[in-house]
Amino acid sequence: MNIPVPEVLALTLWQPWASAIAYGTKRIENRTWPTDHRGLVLIHAGRTTDPDAKDAPLARPFLRRPFPRGAIVAVARLDDCHTDDGWCTLWSAPGQYHWRLTDVTPLAAPLSWPGARGLWTPPPGLLAAPLLADAMEAACG
């Protein structure tokens, strides 16, 4: 019997937002575009730091310490994407699509990997990495 393998996608975020998801309480990712994807998403920390993060009080704790760059830092479940509905969390930005992340599981150590723009398909070699196995299993519930 062939059991369908769920599609796993990846999302590259500027820092400190990737760390705020992986190691903090950020469970809404704000985007200017919607997605129909529901399921596992690898959270990839890009090499760029958001210059506006210093003005965001919730981001400041993540700016006080070194954070990973160019690496997968967590696995999460993307279970909803909705238009701005007022203020669904402190992390929500008005006028953006709110991607709701649940079951966020940080990797035991960042997994160095080049990212890509947008929501991207990780290659099989990345998905086979032992560092991802436990985090993907935990995020699957």
N, C-alpha and C. Protein backbone atom coordinates (compact mmCIF):
# COMPACT_ATOMS: atom_id res chain seq x y z
N MET A 1 0.85 -1.17 0.00
CA MET A 1 0.00 0.00 0.00
C MET A 1 0.90 1.24 0.00
N ASN A 2 0.60 2.17 -0.87
CA ASN A 2 1.34 3.42 -0.91
C ASN A 2 0.63 4.46 -0.06
N ILE A 3 1.33 4.94 0.94
CA ILE A 3 0.79 5.99 1.79
C ILE A 3 1.29 7.31 1.24
N PRO A 4 0.38 8.25 0.94
CA PRO A 4 0.84 9.53 0.38
C PRO A 4 1.72 10.30 1.37
N VAL A 5 2.80 10.81 0.85
CA VAL A 5 3.71 11.62 1.66
C VAL A 5 3.24 13.06 1.58
N PRO A 6 3.01 13.70 2.74
CA PRO A 6 2.54 15.09 2.69
C PRO A 6 3.60 16.00 2.10
N GLU A 7 3.13 17.01 1.38
CA GLU A 7 4.05 17.97 0.79
C GLU A 7 4.66 18.83 1.89
N VAL A 8 5.97 18.96 1.85
CA VAL A 8 6.69 19.82 2.79
C VAL A 8 7.28 20.97 1.97
N LEU A 9 7.02 22.18 2.41
CA LEU A 9 7.58 23.36 1.75
C LEU A 9 8.50 24.07 2.74
N ALA A 10 9.22 25.05 2.27
CA ALA A 10 10.12 25.82 3.13
C ALA A 10 9.88 27.30 2.87
N LEU A 11 10.15 28.10 3.89
CA LEU A 11 9.98 29.53 3.81
C LEU A 11 11.20 30.22 4.41
N THR A 12 11.84 31.05 3.61
CA THR A 12 12.98 31.82 4.09
C THR A 12 12.48 33.15 4.65
N LEU A 13 12.93 33.46 5.85
CA LEU A 13 12.56 34.71 6.52
C LEU A 13 13.82 35.46 6.90
N TRP A 14 13.75 36.77 6.87
CA TRP A 14 14.83 37.58 7.40
C TRP A 14 14.91 37.35 8.90
N GLN A 15 16.07 37.57 9.43
CA GLN A 15 16.23 37.54 10.88
C GLN A 15 15.86 38.92 11.42
N PRO A 16 15.34 39.05 12.58
CA PRO A 16 15.20 38.04 13.63
C PRO A 16 13.89 37.26 13.59
N TRP A 17 13.11 37.42 12.49
CA TRP A 17 11.79 36.81 12.44
C TRP A 17 11.85 35.29 12.46
N ALA A 18 12.82 34.69 11.77
CA ALA A 18 12.95 33.22 11.79
C ALA A 18 13.23 32.74 13.21
N SER A 19 14.09 33.44 13.92
CA SER A 19 14.39 33.05 15.31
C SER A 19 13.20 33.29 16.23
N ALA A 20 12.43 34.33 15.98
CA ALA A 20 11.25 34.59 16.80
C ALA A 20 10.22 33.47 16.65
N ILE A 21 10.18 32.87 15.47
CA ILE A 21 9.30 31.71 15.27
C ILE A 21 9.91 30.48 15.94
N ALA A 22 11.18 30.20 15.64
CA ALA A 22 11.81 28.98 16.13
C ALA A 22 11.98 28.95 17.64
N TYR A 23 12.37 30.07 18.22
CA TYR A 23 12.75 30.09 19.64
C TYR A 23 11.86 30.98 20.50
N GLY A 24 10.86 31.60 19.89
CA GLY A 24 10.02 32.53 20.63
C GLY A 24 8.55 32.21 20.46
N THR A 25 7.74 33.25 20.50
CA THR A 25 6.29 33.08 20.49
C THR A 25 5.62 33.54 19.19
N LYS A 26 6.42 33.87 18.19
CA LYS A 26 5.84 34.34 16.92
C LYS A 26 5.16 33.17 16.21
N ARG A 27 3.85 33.26 16.08
CA ARG A 27 3.09 32.19 15.43
C ARG A 27 2.28 32.69 14.25
N ILE A 28 2.48 33.95 13.91
CA ILE A 28 1.89 34.52 12.70
C ILE A 28 3.03 35.04 11.84
N GLU A 29 3.07 34.60 10.59
CA GLU A 29 4.01 35.16 9.63
C GLU A 29 3.19 36.08 8.72
N ASN A 30 3.63 37.30 8.60
CA ASN A 30 2.93 38.30 7.80
C ASN A 30 3.49 38.31 6.39
N ARG A 31 2.61 38.22 5.42
CA ARG A 31 3.00 38.21 4.02
C ARG A 31 2.05 39.09 3.23
N THR A 32 2.53 39.60 2.10
CA THR A 32 1.67 40.41 1.23
C THR A 32 0.86 39.52 0.30
N TRP A 33 1.11 38.24 0.32
CA TRP A 33 0.44 37.30 -0.57
C TRP A 33 -0.08 36.10 0.22
N PRO A 34 -1.18 35.51 -0.25
CA PRO A 34 -1.76 34.36 0.44
C PRO A 34 -1.13 33.05 -0.04
N THR A 35 -1.41 32.00 0.66
CA THR A 35 -1.01 30.66 0.23
C THR A 35 -2.15 29.68 0.49
N ASP A 36 -2.25 28.68 -0.37
CA ASP A 36 -3.20 27.60 -0.17
C ASP A 36 -2.55 26.42 0.55
N HIS A 37 -1.23 26.48 0.71
CA HIS A 37 -0.53 25.36 1.35
C HIS A 37 -0.97 25.21 2.80
N ARG A 38 -1.25 23.98 3.17
CA ARG A 38 -1.49 23.63 4.56
C ARG A 38 -0.63 22.41 4.83
N GLY A 39 0.11 22.46 5.89
CA GLY A 39 0.98 21.33 6.22
C GLY A 39 2.32 21.82 6.71
N LEU A 40 3.31 20.95 6.62
CA LEU A 40 4.62 21.26 7.18
C LEU A 40 5.37 22.30 6.36
N VAL A 41 6.04 23.18 7.10
CA VAL A 41 6.87 24.22 6.51
C VAL A 41 8.19 24.25 7.28
N LEU A 42 9.29 24.17 6.55
CA LEU A 42 10.60 24.36 7.16
C LEU A 42 10.82 25.86 7.30
N ILE A 43 11.24 26.29 8.47
CA ILE A 43 11.52 27.71 8.70
C ILE A 43 13.01 27.93 8.47
N HIS A 44 13.32 28.69 7.44
CA HIS A 44 14.70 28.95 7.04
C HIS A 44 15.08 30.38 7.41
N ALA A 45 16.17 30.51 8.14
CA ALA A 45 16.70 31.83 8.50
C ALA A 45 17.59 32.32 7.37
N GLY A 46 17.17 33.40 6.74
CA GLY A 46 17.98 33.95 5.67
C GLY A 46 19.24 34.63 6.21
N ARG A 47 20.04 35.11 5.30
CA ARG A 47 21.30 35.77 5.69
C ARG A 47 21.09 37.25 6.00
N THR A 48 19.90 37.77 5.70
CA THR A 48 19.62 39.19 5.85
C THR A 48 18.91 39.47 7.17
N THR A 49 19.27 40.60 7.78
CA THR A 49 18.57 41.08 8.97
C THR A 49 17.64 42.21 8.54
N ASP A 50 16.42 42.15 9.01
CA ASP A 50 15.44 43.18 8.69
C ASP A 50 15.87 44.48 9.37
N PRO A 51 16.16 45.53 8.60
CA PRO A 51 16.60 46.78 9.21
C PRO A 51 15.54 47.43 10.10
N ASP A 52 14.27 47.10 9.89
CA ASP A 52 13.20 47.68 10.70
C ASP A 52 12.96 46.92 12.01
N ALA A 53 13.62 45.79 12.20
CA ALA A 53 13.38 44.98 13.40
C ALA A 53 13.74 45.73 14.68
N LYS A 54 14.72 46.60 14.61
CA LYS A 54 15.12 47.34 15.82
C LYS A 54 13.99 48.22 16.36
N ASP A 55 13.01 48.53 15.50
CA ASP A 55 11.87 49.35 15.90
C ASP A 55 10.68 48.52 16.38
N ALA A 56 10.81 47.20 16.35
CA ALA A 56 9.72 46.30 16.76
C ALA A 56 10.03 45.76 18.15
N PRO A 57 9.29 46.20 19.17
CA PRO A 57 9.59 45.76 20.54
C PRO A 57 9.65 44.25 20.72
N LEU A 58 8.79 43.50 20.04
CA LEU A 58 8.80 42.05 20.21
C LEU A 58 10.04 41.39 19.60
N ALA A 59 10.71 42.09 18.69
CA ALA A 59 11.91 41.53 18.05
C ALA A 59 13.19 41.80 18.83
N ARG A 60 13.16 42.79 19.69
CA ARG A 60 14.40 43.22 20.37
C ARG A 60 15.13 42.12 21.12
N PRO A 61 14.44 41.22 21.84
CA PRO A 61 15.20 40.17 22.54
C PRO A 61 16.02 39.30 21.59
N PHE A 62 15.56 39.14 20.36
CA PHE A 62 16.28 38.31 19.40
C PHE A 62 17.44 39.04 18.76
N LEU A 63 17.45 40.36 18.87
CA LEU A 63 18.55 41.15 18.32
C LEU A 63 19.72 41.25 19.30
N ARG A 64 19.50 40.86 20.54
CA ARG A 64 20.54 40.99 21.57
C ARG A 64 21.51 39.82 21.60
N ARG A 65 21.26 38.81 20.80
CA ARG A 65 22.15 37.64 20.79
C ARG A 65 22.38 37.22 19.34
N PRO A 66 23.44 36.49 19.11
CA PRO A 66 23.69 36.02 17.74
C PRO A 66 22.58 35.05 17.31
N PHE A 67 22.22 35.11 16.07
CA PHE A 67 21.21 34.17 15.58
C PHE A 67 21.72 33.52 14.30
N PRO A 68 21.16 32.33 14.01
CA PRO A 68 21.60 31.61 12.82
C PRO A 68 21.24 32.35 11.54
N ARG A 69 22.07 32.16 10.55
CA ARG A 69 21.82 32.74 9.23
C ARG A 69 22.09 31.66 8.19
N GLY A 70 21.29 31.65 7.15
CA GLY A 70 21.49 30.67 6.09
C GLY A 70 21.30 29.25 6.56
N ALA A 71 20.23 29.01 7.36
CA ALA A 71 20.03 27.68 7.92
C ALA A 71 18.55 27.42 8.21
N ILE A 72 18.18 26.16 8.14
CA ILE A 72 16.87 25.73 8.61
C ILE A 72 16.93 25.73 10.13
N VAL A 73 15.96 26.38 10.78
CA VAL A 73 16.00 26.48 12.25
C VAL A 73 14.82 25.79 12.92
N ALA A 74 13.75 25.51 12.16
CA ALA A 74 12.57 24.91 12.78
C ALA A 74 11.68 24.27 11.72
N VAL A 75 10.76 23.46 12.21
CA VAL A 75 9.69 22.91 11.39
C VAL A 75 8.39 23.37 12.05
N ALA A 76 7.44 23.78 11.25
CA ALA A 76 6.14 24.22 11.77
C ALA A 76 5.03 23.67 10.89
N ARG A 77 3.85 23.72 11.42
CA ARG A 77 2.67 23.37 10.64
C ARG A 77 1.96 24.68 10.28
N LEU A 78 1.75 24.89 8.99
CA LEU A 78 0.98 26.03 8.51
C LEU A 78 -0.46 25.56 8.42
N ASP A 79 -1.31 26.07 9.29
CA ASP A 79 -2.68 25.54 9.32
C ASP A 79 -3.75 26.56 8.94
N ASP A 80 -3.34 27.79 8.64
CA ASP A 80 -4.34 28.77 8.20
C ASP A 80 -3.63 29.94 7.54
N CYS A 81 -4.33 30.57 6.64
CA CYS A 81 -3.88 31.82 6.02
C CYS A 81 -5.12 32.66 5.83
N HIS A 82 -5.14 33.81 6.46
CA HIS A 82 -6.32 34.66 6.34
C HIS A 82 -5.91 36.12 6.15
N THR A 83 -6.85 36.88 5.64
CA THR A 83 -6.61 38.31 5.48
C THR A 83 -6.62 38.96 6.85
N ASP A 84 -6.13 40.16 6.89
CA ASP A 84 -6.10 40.92 8.14
C ASP A 84 -7.52 40.97 8.71
N ASP A 85 -7.66 40.41 9.90
CA ASP A 85 -8.98 40.36 10.53
C ASP A 85 -9.04 41.23 11.78
N GLY A 86 -8.25 42.27 11.78
CA GLY A 86 -8.20 43.15 12.94
C GLY A 86 -6.83 43.05 13.59
N TRP A 87 -6.75 42.21 14.59
CA TRP A 87 -5.49 42.07 15.31
C TRP A 87 -5.48 40.68 15.95
N CYS A 88 -5.17 39.65 15.18
CA CYS A 88 -5.32 38.30 15.70
C CYS A 88 -4.24 37.95 16.73
N THR A 89 -3.04 38.51 16.64
CA THR A 89 -2.01 38.33 17.67
C THR A 89 -1.16 39.59 17.73
N LEU A 90 -0.32 39.67 18.73
CA LEU A 90 0.60 40.81 18.82
C LEU A 90 1.59 40.84 17.65
N TRP A 91 1.84 39.69 17.05
CA TRP A 91 2.78 39.60 15.94
C TRP A 91 2.15 39.95 14.60
N SER A 92 0.84 40.11 14.55
CA SER A 92 0.13 40.36 13.28
C SER A 92 0.35 41.78 12.80
N ALA A 93 0.53 41.91 11.50
CA ALA A 93 0.68 43.24 10.89
C ALA A 93 -0.59 43.58 10.14
N PRO A 94 -1.10 44.79 10.34
CA PRO A 94 -2.31 45.19 9.63
C PRO A 94 -2.08 45.23 8.11
N GLY A 95 -3.12 44.84 7.37
CA GLY A 95 -3.04 44.91 5.91
C GLY A 95 -2.26 43.77 5.27
N GLN A 96 -1.85 42.78 6.05
CA GLN A 96 -1.09 41.65 5.53
C GLN A 96 -1.92 40.37 5.61
N TYR A 97 -1.50 39.35 4.87
CA TYR A 97 -2.06 38.03 5.08
C TYR A 97 -1.36 37.43 6.29
N HIS A 98 -2.12 36.80 7.14
CA HIS A 98 -1.58 36.20 8.36
C HIS A 98 -1.50 34.69 8.16
N TRP A 99 -0.28 34.17 8.14
CA TRP A 99 -0.05 32.74 8.02
C TRP A 99 0.09 32.20 9.43
N ARG A 100 -0.85 31.37 9.86
CA ARG A 100 -0.83 30.86 11.23
C ARG A 100 0.00 29.59 11.32
N LEU A 101 0.99 29.61 12.20
CA LEU A 101 1.90 28.49 12.41
C LEU A 101 1.60 27.83 13.74
N THR A 102 1.54 26.51 13.74
CA THR A 102 1.35 25.75 14.97
C THR A 102 2.41 24.66 15.02
N ASP A 103 2.45 23.98 16.14
CA ASP A 103 3.38 22.84 16.31
C ASP A 103 4.81 23.19 15.90
N VAL A 104 5.25 24.37 16.26
CA VAL A 104 6.61 24.81 15.91
C VAL A 104 7.62 24.01 16.73
N THR A 105 8.56 23.41 16.02
CA THR A 105 9.58 22.59 16.67
C THR A 105 10.95 23.04 16.19
N PRO A 106 11.76 23.65 17.06
CA PRO A 106 13.11 24.05 16.64
C PRO A 106 13.99 22.82 16.42
N LEU A 107 14.91 22.92 15.49
CA LEU A 107 15.88 21.86 15.29
C LEU A 107 16.86 21.86 16.46
N ALA A 108 17.45 20.72 16.73
CA ALA A 108 18.44 20.61 17.80
C ALA A 108 19.63 21.53 17.53
N ALA A 109 19.93 21.75 16.26
CA ALA A 109 20.99 22.68 15.84
C ALA A 109 20.59 23.19 14.46
N PRO A 110 20.92 24.44 14.13
CA PRO A 110 20.59 24.94 12.80
C PRO A 110 21.24 24.08 11.71
N LEU A 111 20.51 23.87 10.63
CA LEU A 111 20.99 23.07 9.51
C LEU A 111 21.31 24.00 8.35
N SER A 112 22.59 24.20 8.11
CA SER A 112 23.04 25.12 7.07
C SER A 112 22.50 24.69 5.71
N TRP A 113 21.86 25.65 5.04
CA TRP A 113 21.27 25.38 3.72
C TRP A 113 20.95 26.70 3.05
N PRO A 114 21.21 26.82 1.75
CA PRO A 114 20.83 28.06 1.07
C PRO A 114 19.31 28.13 0.94
N GLY A 115 18.78 29.29 1.07
CA GLY A 115 17.33 29.46 0.98
C GLY A 115 16.91 29.87 -0.42
N ALA A 116 15.71 30.34 -0.52
CA ALA A 116 15.16 30.82 -1.79
C ALA A 116 14.06 31.83 -1.47
N ARG A 117 13.65 32.56 -2.45
CA ARG A 117 12.57 33.52 -2.24
C ARG A 117 11.23 32.81 -2.23
N GLY A 118 10.31 33.37 -1.45
CA GLY A 118 8.96 32.83 -1.43
C GLY A 118 8.87 31.51 -0.70
N LEU A 119 7.84 30.78 -1.02
CA LEU A 119 7.60 29.45 -0.46
C LEU A 119 8.23 28.48 -1.44
N TRP A 120 9.24 27.73 -1.01
CA TRP A 120 9.99 26.91 -1.94
C TRP A 120 9.95 25.43 -1.56
N THR A 121 10.23 24.61 -2.55
CA THR A 121 10.22 23.16 -2.36
C THR A 121 11.62 22.69 -1.99
N PRO A 122 11.76 22.13 -0.78
CA PRO A 122 13.09 21.63 -0.40
C PRO A 122 13.43 20.37 -1.18
N PRO A 123 14.68 20.23 -1.59
CA PRO A 123 15.08 19.03 -2.33
C PRO A 123 15.11 17.80 -1.42
N PRO A 124 15.01 16.62 -2.01
CA PRO A 124 15.03 15.39 -1.21
C PRO A 124 16.25 15.27 -0.29
N GLY A 125 17.39 15.75 -0.74
CA GLY A 125 18.59 15.67 0.09
C GLY A 125 18.44 16.43 1.40
N LEU A 126 17.76 17.55 1.36
CA LEU A 126 17.52 18.32 2.58
C LEU A 126 16.52 17.59 3.48
N LEU A 127 15.45 17.10 2.89
CA LEU A 127 14.43 16.42 3.68
C LEU A 127 14.94 15.14 4.33
N ALA A 128 16.01 14.57 3.77
CA ALA A 128 16.59 13.35 4.33
C ALA A 128 17.59 13.62 5.45
N ALA A 129 17.85 14.88 5.74
CA ALA A 129 18.84 15.22 6.77
C ALA A 129 18.38 14.71 8.14
N PRO A 130 19.24 13.99 8.84
CA PRO A 130 18.86 13.47 10.16
C PRO A 130 18.41 14.55 11.14
N LEU A 131 18.97 15.74 11.07
CA LEU A 131 18.56 16.82 11.98
C LEU A 131 17.08 17.18 11.84
N LEU A 132 16.51 16.93 10.66
CA LEU A 132 15.11 17.28 10.44
C LEU A 132 14.14 16.21 10.94
N ALA A 133 14.60 14.97 11.03
CA ALA A 133 13.70 13.86 11.32
C ALA A 133 12.88 14.06 12.59
N ASP A 134 13.54 14.34 13.71
CA ASP A 134 12.82 14.50 14.98
C ASP A 134 11.87 15.70 14.95
N ALA A 135 12.33 16.82 14.38
CA ALA A 135 11.50 18.02 14.33
C ALA A 135 10.29 17.81 13.43
N MET A 136 10.46 17.12 12.32
CA MET A 136 9.32 16.87 11.43
C MET A 136 8.33 15.92 12.09
N GLU A 137 8.84 14.92 12.79
CA GLU A 137 7.94 13.99 13.49
C GLU A 137 7.16 14.71 14.59
N ALA A 138 7.84 15.58 15.33
CA ALA A 138 7.16 16.34 16.40
C ALA A 138 6.11 17.28 15.83
N ALA A 139 6.42 17.94 14.71
CA ALA A 139 5.46 18.88 14.12
C ALA A 139 4.27 18.15 13.51
N CYS A 140 4.45 16.89 13.16
CA CYS A 140 3.34 16.10 12.59
C CYS A 140 2.35 15.71 13.68
N GLY A 141 2.76 15.83 14.94
CA GLY A 141 1.86 15.55 16.05
C GLY A 141 1.87 14.13 16.37
